[in-house]
Amino acid sequence: MRKLILGSLVAATLAGISIPAAARTNVDFSLHFAPPVAPVEYVPAPRRGYIWVPGFWDWRGHRHHWVRGHWKRHRPGYYYEPVRWVHRGGRYYYRPAGWRDADRDGVPNRYDRAPLDPRWR
């Protein structure tokens, strides 16, 4: 019985720790001030099957933190939308990065790179 109670307490503690970290990635937030100017970043030569994700200012520990650019494996049928800070109404809103469906129908399929799609011209 003692092990069961101890195990439950440990599980509850770990679950409580992981909730704020998960919530941080799904919730947009805003600041009253802009991120600093991005430093000059040199993009390496293209790599087959990968896309370059540019560096960006992230918000960590109550301050901006520069995250350097890096390569991500390309996902056919999707396009990568990098992190953005959007200025609206005197505030700066953080928009997280992520893969988006190219034709925005929610289904990756052969129509994602259709010749009539203006994003691929």
N, C-alpha and C. Protein backbone atom coordinates (compact mmCIF):
# COMPACT_ATOMS: atom_id res chain seq x y z
N MET A 1 0.82 -1.19 0.00
CA MET A 1 0.00 0.00 0.00
C MET A 1 0.87 1.25 0.00
N ARG A 2 1.97 1.20 0.72
CA ARG A 2 2.87 2.34 0.82
C ARG A 2 3.48 2.66 -0.56
N LYS A 3 3.85 1.60 -1.31
CA LYS A 3 4.42 1.79 -2.65
C LYS A 3 3.39 2.39 -3.60
N LEU A 4 2.15 1.97 -3.47
CA LEU A 4 1.10 2.50 -4.32
C LEU A 4 0.90 4.00 -4.08
N ILE A 5 0.89 4.41 -2.84
CA ILE A 5 0.72 5.83 -2.50
C ILE A 5 1.92 6.63 -2.97
N LEU A 6 3.12 6.11 -2.73
CA LEU A 6 4.33 6.81 -3.17
C LEU A 6 4.37 6.93 -4.68
N GLY A 7 4.02 5.86 -5.39
CA GLY A 7 3.99 5.89 -6.85
C GLY A 7 2.98 6.90 -7.37
N SER A 8 1.83 6.99 -6.73
CA SER A 8 0.81 7.95 -7.14
C SER A 8 1.29 9.38 -6.93
N LEU A 9 1.98 9.64 -5.82
CA LEU A 9 2.51 10.98 -5.56
C LEU A 9 3.56 11.37 -6.59
N VAL A 10 4.44 10.44 -6.93
CA VAL A 10 5.47 10.72 -7.94
C VAL A 10 4.82 11.00 -9.28
N ALA A 11 3.84 10.19 -9.68
CA ALA A 11 3.15 10.40 -10.96
C ALA A 11 2.43 11.74 -10.99
N ALA A 12 1.78 12.11 -9.91
CA ALA A 12 1.08 13.39 -9.85
C ALA A 12 2.05 14.56 -9.93
N THR A 13 3.20 14.43 -9.29
CA THR A 13 4.21 15.48 -9.35
C THR A 13 4.73 15.65 -10.76
N LEU A 14 5.07 14.56 -11.42
CA LEU A 14 5.58 14.63 -12.79
C LEU A 14 4.53 15.17 -13.76
N ALA A 15 3.29 14.79 -13.57
CA ALA A 15 2.22 15.30 -14.43
C ALA A 15 2.06 16.80 -14.24
N GLY A 16 2.18 17.29 -13.03
CA GLY A 16 2.08 18.71 -12.76
C GLY A 16 3.21 19.51 -13.36
N ILE A 17 4.37 18.91 -13.47
CA ILE A 17 5.52 19.58 -14.06
C ILE A 17 5.38 19.66 -15.57
N SER A 18 4.87 18.62 -16.20
CA SER A 18 4.82 18.58 -17.66
C SER A 18 3.69 19.42 -18.25
N ILE A 19 2.65 19.73 -17.52
CA ILE A 19 1.53 20.49 -18.06
C ILE A 19 1.94 21.90 -18.49
N PRO A 20 2.66 22.68 -17.69
CA PRO A 20 3.03 24.02 -18.16
C PRO A 20 3.92 23.99 -19.39
N ALA A 21 4.81 23.02 -19.52
CA ALA A 21 5.67 22.95 -20.70
C ALA A 21 4.85 22.66 -21.94
N ALA A 22 3.86 21.78 -21.84
CA ALA A 22 3.02 21.47 -22.98
C ALA A 22 2.12 22.65 -23.33
N ALA A 23 1.63 23.34 -22.34
CA ALA A 23 0.76 24.48 -22.58
C ALA A 23 1.50 25.61 -23.27
N ARG A 24 2.76 25.78 -23.02
CA ARG A 24 3.57 26.86 -23.59
C ARG A 24 3.64 26.76 -25.11
N THR A 25 3.68 25.54 -25.65
CA THR A 25 3.83 25.39 -27.09
C THR A 25 2.51 25.59 -27.83
N ASN A 26 1.38 25.44 -27.19
CA ASN A 26 0.10 25.53 -27.87
C ASN A 26 -0.59 26.88 -27.69
N VAL A 27 -0.09 27.71 -26.82
CA VAL A 27 -0.76 28.97 -26.51
C VAL A 27 0.06 30.13 -27.05
N ASP A 28 -0.60 30.99 -27.81
CA ASP A 28 0.07 32.20 -28.28
C ASP A 28 0.08 33.21 -27.13
N PHE A 29 1.10 34.05 -27.11
CA PHE A 29 1.17 35.07 -26.08
C PHE A 29 1.66 36.36 -26.71
N SER A 30 1.60 37.45 -25.97
CA SER A 30 1.99 38.74 -26.52
C SER A 30 2.83 39.51 -25.52
N LEU A 31 3.58 40.48 -26.06
CA LEU A 31 4.43 41.37 -25.27
C LEU A 31 4.16 42.80 -25.68
N HIS A 32 4.53 43.73 -24.81
CA HIS A 32 4.37 45.15 -25.13
C HIS A 32 5.57 45.70 -25.90
N PHE A 33 6.59 44.91 -26.09
CA PHE A 33 7.79 45.39 -26.78
C PHE A 33 8.23 44.36 -27.81
N ALA A 34 8.93 44.85 -28.84
CA ALA A 34 9.36 44.01 -29.95
C ALA A 34 10.59 43.20 -29.59
N PRO A 35 10.81 42.08 -30.29
CA PRO A 35 12.07 41.36 -30.10
C PRO A 35 13.21 42.18 -30.70
N PRO A 36 14.43 41.91 -30.28
CA PRO A 36 15.57 42.64 -30.85
C PRO A 36 15.72 42.36 -32.35
N VAL A 37 16.54 43.15 -32.99
CA VAL A 37 16.82 42.93 -34.42
C VAL A 37 17.57 41.61 -34.55
N ALA A 38 17.18 40.82 -35.54
CA ALA A 38 17.82 39.51 -35.74
C ALA A 38 19.26 39.70 -36.22
N PRO A 39 20.19 38.92 -35.67
CA PRO A 39 21.57 39.01 -36.14
C PRO A 39 21.70 38.46 -37.56
N VAL A 40 22.79 38.81 -38.21
CA VAL A 40 23.05 38.30 -39.56
C VAL A 40 23.33 36.81 -39.45
N GLU A 41 22.64 36.06 -40.27
CA GLU A 41 22.80 34.61 -40.24
C GLU A 41 23.07 34.13 -41.67
N TYR A 42 24.15 33.43 -41.85
CA TYR A 42 24.52 32.93 -43.16
C TYR A 42 23.87 31.58 -43.39
N VAL A 43 23.15 31.48 -44.51
CA VAL A 43 22.46 30.23 -44.85
C VAL A 43 23.42 29.33 -45.60
N PRO A 44 23.62 28.10 -45.12
CA PRO A 44 24.51 27.19 -45.83
C PRO A 44 23.92 26.75 -47.17
N ALA A 45 24.74 26.08 -47.97
CA ALA A 45 24.30 25.58 -49.28
C ALA A 45 23.12 24.61 -49.09
N PRO A 46 22.21 24.58 -50.07
CA PRO A 46 21.03 23.70 -49.95
C PRO A 46 21.41 22.23 -49.79
N ARG A 47 20.58 21.51 -49.07
CA ARG A 47 20.75 20.06 -48.87
C ARG A 47 19.52 19.36 -49.43
N ARG A 48 19.74 18.34 -50.19
CA ARG A 48 18.63 17.59 -50.79
C ARG A 48 17.78 16.93 -49.70
N GLY A 49 16.45 17.13 -49.79
CA GLY A 49 15.54 16.52 -48.84
C GLY A 49 15.37 17.28 -47.54
N TYR A 50 15.96 18.49 -47.46
CA TYR A 50 15.87 19.29 -46.23
C TYR A 50 15.47 20.71 -46.58
N ILE A 51 14.92 21.42 -45.61
CA ILE A 51 14.65 22.85 -45.75
C ILE A 51 15.40 23.58 -44.65
N TRP A 52 15.76 24.82 -44.93
CA TRP A 52 16.44 25.65 -43.94
C TRP A 52 15.39 26.41 -43.13
N VAL A 53 15.45 26.27 -41.82
CA VAL A 53 14.58 27.02 -40.92
C VAL A 53 15.41 28.19 -40.40
N PRO A 54 15.01 29.42 -40.70
CA PRO A 54 15.81 30.57 -40.26
C PRO A 54 15.79 30.73 -38.74
N GLY A 55 16.81 31.38 -38.22
CA GLY A 55 16.88 31.66 -36.79
C GLY A 55 15.76 32.61 -36.37
N PHE A 56 15.45 32.61 -35.08
CA PHE A 56 14.36 33.45 -34.59
C PHE A 56 14.58 33.76 -33.11
N TRP A 57 13.87 34.80 -32.66
CA TRP A 57 13.88 35.15 -31.24
C TRP A 57 12.76 34.39 -30.54
N ASP A 58 13.12 33.59 -29.57
CA ASP A 58 12.16 32.86 -28.75
C ASP A 58 12.04 33.60 -27.42
N TRP A 59 11.00 33.30 -26.65
CA TRP A 59 10.79 33.92 -25.35
C TRP A 59 11.01 32.87 -24.27
N ARG A 60 12.10 33.02 -23.50
CA ARG A 60 12.45 32.04 -22.46
C ARG A 60 12.87 32.78 -21.19
N GLY A 61 12.32 32.37 -20.10
CA GLY A 61 12.75 32.92 -18.81
C GLY A 61 12.60 34.42 -18.70
N HIS A 62 11.53 34.97 -19.23
CA HIS A 62 11.24 36.41 -19.17
C HIS A 62 12.21 37.26 -19.96
N ARG A 63 12.78 36.67 -21.02
CA ARG A 63 13.64 37.46 -21.91
C ARG A 63 13.70 36.78 -23.27
N HIS A 64 14.15 37.52 -24.28
CA HIS A 64 14.31 36.96 -25.61
C HIS A 64 15.58 36.11 -25.66
N HIS A 65 15.49 35.03 -26.40
CA HIS A 65 16.62 34.10 -26.55
C HIS A 65 16.73 33.76 -28.04
N TRP A 66 17.93 33.97 -28.63
CA TRP A 66 18.13 33.70 -30.06
C TRP A 66 18.30 32.20 -30.29
N VAL A 67 17.51 31.66 -31.22
CA VAL A 67 17.62 30.26 -31.63
C VAL A 67 18.17 30.27 -33.05
N ARG A 68 19.33 29.65 -33.22
CA ARG A 68 20.00 29.67 -34.53
C ARG A 68 19.22 28.86 -35.56
N GLY A 69 19.42 29.21 -36.83
CA GLY A 69 18.79 28.48 -37.92
C GLY A 69 19.31 27.06 -37.98
N HIS A 70 18.53 26.18 -38.56
CA HIS A 70 18.91 24.77 -38.64
C HIS A 70 18.16 24.09 -39.78
N TRP A 71 18.59 22.90 -40.13
CA TRP A 71 17.95 22.12 -41.18
C TRP A 71 16.84 21.25 -40.59
N LYS A 72 15.75 21.10 -41.34
CA LYS A 72 14.67 20.17 -41.00
C LYS A 72 14.39 19.32 -42.23
N ARG A 73 14.10 18.06 -41.99
CA ARG A 73 13.78 17.16 -43.10
C ARG A 73 12.47 17.61 -43.74
N HIS A 74 12.47 17.67 -45.07
CA HIS A 74 11.29 18.09 -45.82
C HIS A 74 10.18 17.06 -45.69
N ARG A 75 8.96 17.54 -45.58
CA ARG A 75 7.78 16.66 -45.50
C ARG A 75 6.93 16.91 -46.74
N PRO A 76 6.91 15.98 -47.70
CA PRO A 76 6.12 16.18 -48.92
C PRO A 76 4.65 16.43 -48.58
N GLY A 77 4.05 17.37 -49.30
CA GLY A 77 2.65 17.71 -49.05
C GLY A 77 2.45 18.77 -48.00
N TYR A 78 3.53 19.26 -47.41
CA TYR A 78 3.45 20.29 -46.37
C TYR A 78 4.43 21.41 -46.68
N TYR A 79 4.17 22.57 -46.11
CA TYR A 79 5.16 23.64 -46.12
C TYR A 79 5.42 24.04 -44.68
N TYR A 80 6.61 24.56 -44.42
CA TYR A 80 7.01 24.91 -43.07
C TYR A 80 6.81 26.40 -42.86
N GLU A 81 6.07 26.74 -41.83
CA GLU A 81 5.86 28.14 -41.48
C GLU A 81 6.73 28.46 -40.27
N PRO A 82 7.74 29.32 -40.43
CA PRO A 82 8.64 29.61 -39.30
C PRO A 82 7.98 30.45 -38.21
N VAL A 83 8.66 30.58 -37.10
CA VAL A 83 8.20 31.42 -35.99
C VAL A 83 8.04 32.85 -36.48
N ARG A 84 6.99 33.51 -36.02
CA ARG A 84 6.77 34.91 -36.38
C ARG A 84 6.36 35.70 -35.15
N TRP A 85 6.79 36.95 -35.12
CA TRP A 85 6.30 37.92 -34.14
C TRP A 85 5.45 38.90 -34.93
N VAL A 86 4.16 38.95 -34.63
CA VAL A 86 3.22 39.78 -35.38
C VAL A 86 2.86 41.00 -34.54
N HIS A 87 3.01 42.19 -35.14
CA HIS A 87 2.67 43.43 -34.45
C HIS A 87 1.23 43.79 -34.77
N ARG A 88 0.41 43.91 -33.72
CA ARG A 88 -1.00 44.24 -33.90
C ARG A 88 -1.50 44.95 -32.65
N GLY A 89 -2.05 46.13 -32.85
CA GLY A 89 -2.66 46.87 -31.74
C GLY A 89 -1.69 47.24 -30.64
N GLY A 90 -0.44 47.56 -30.98
CA GLY A 90 0.54 47.97 -29.99
C GLY A 90 1.17 46.82 -29.21
N ARG A 91 0.88 45.59 -29.59
CA ARG A 91 1.46 44.42 -28.93
C ARG A 91 2.14 43.53 -29.97
N TYR A 92 3.06 42.70 -29.51
CA TYR A 92 3.76 41.75 -30.37
C TYR A 92 3.34 40.34 -29.98
N TYR A 93 2.72 39.64 -30.93
CA TYR A 93 2.19 38.30 -30.69
C TYR A 93 3.14 37.25 -31.25
N TYR A 94 3.40 36.23 -30.46
CA TYR A 94 4.27 35.13 -30.86
C TYR A 94 3.44 34.07 -31.56
N ARG A 95 3.83 33.70 -32.77
CA ARG A 95 3.19 32.62 -33.52
C ARG A 95 4.20 31.50 -33.68
N PRO A 96 3.92 30.33 -33.10
CA PRO A 96 4.88 29.23 -33.17
C PRO A 96 5.02 28.67 -34.58
N ALA A 97 6.14 28.03 -34.82
CA ALA A 97 6.42 27.41 -36.11
C ALA A 97 5.68 26.09 -36.22
N GLY A 98 5.61 25.59 -37.44
CA GLY A 98 5.01 24.28 -37.63
C GLY A 98 4.78 23.95 -39.09
N TRP A 99 4.48 22.71 -39.35
CA TRP A 99 4.18 22.23 -40.69
C TRP A 99 2.72 22.48 -40.99
N ARG A 100 2.44 23.02 -42.17
CA ARG A 100 1.07 23.28 -42.60
C ARG A 100 0.82 22.51 -43.89
N ASP A 101 -0.43 22.08 -44.07
CA ASP A 101 -0.83 21.39 -45.29
C ASP A 101 -0.78 22.37 -46.45
N ALA A 102 -0.13 22.00 -47.55
CA ALA A 102 0.11 22.94 -48.65
C ALA A 102 -1.18 23.47 -49.28
N ASP A 103 -2.21 22.65 -49.45
CA ASP A 103 -3.45 23.17 -50.03
C ASP A 103 -4.50 23.47 -48.97
N ARG A 104 -4.10 23.37 -47.72
CA ARG A 104 -4.90 23.76 -46.56
C ARG A 104 -6.24 23.04 -46.44
N ASP A 105 -6.29 21.81 -46.95
CA ASP A 105 -7.52 21.04 -46.79
C ASP A 105 -7.40 20.03 -45.64
N GLY A 106 -6.24 19.98 -45.00
CA GLY A 106 -6.04 19.09 -43.87
C GLY A 106 -5.63 17.68 -44.25
N VAL A 107 -5.54 17.41 -45.56
CA VAL A 107 -5.19 16.07 -46.02
C VAL A 107 -3.99 16.16 -46.95
N PRO A 108 -2.82 15.60 -46.55
CA PRO A 108 -1.69 15.60 -47.49
C PRO A 108 -1.97 14.62 -48.62
N ASN A 109 -1.97 15.13 -49.86
CA ASN A 109 -2.27 14.27 -51.01
C ASN A 109 -1.58 14.80 -52.26
N ARG A 110 -1.88 14.20 -53.42
CA ARG A 110 -1.21 14.56 -54.66
C ARG A 110 -1.57 15.96 -55.15
N TYR A 111 -2.62 16.55 -54.62
CA TYR A 111 -3.02 17.89 -55.04
C TYR A 111 -2.24 19.00 -54.34
N ASP A 112 -1.42 18.66 -53.38
CA ASP A 112 -0.71 19.68 -52.61
C ASP A 112 0.29 20.47 -53.44
N ARG A 113 0.87 19.86 -54.44
CA ARG A 113 1.81 20.58 -55.30
C ARG A 113 1.22 20.77 -56.69
N ALA A 114 -0.08 21.05 -56.76
CA ALA A 114 -0.75 21.23 -58.04
C ALA A 114 -0.16 22.42 -58.78
N PRO A 115 -0.06 22.34 -60.13
CA PRO A 115 0.53 23.44 -60.90
C PRO A 115 -0.26 24.74 -60.78
N LEU A 116 -1.53 24.69 -60.43
CA LEU A 116 -2.33 25.90 -60.30
C LEU A 116 -2.17 26.57 -58.95
N ASP A 117 -1.48 25.95 -58.04
CA ASP A 117 -1.26 26.51 -56.72
C ASP A 117 -0.22 27.62 -56.81
N PRO A 118 -0.58 28.89 -56.53
CA PRO A 118 0.36 30.01 -56.71
C PRO A 118 1.59 29.95 -55.80
N ARG A 119 1.53 29.19 -54.69
CA ARG A 119 2.71 29.12 -53.81
C ARG A 119 3.84 28.34 -54.42
N TRP A 120 3.61 27.56 -55.46
CA TRP A 120 4.65 26.69 -56.03
C TRP A 120 5.12 27.18 -57.39
N ARG A 121 4.74 28.39 -57.80
CA ARG A 121 5.20 28.91 -59.09
C ARG A 121 6.54 29.55 -58.95
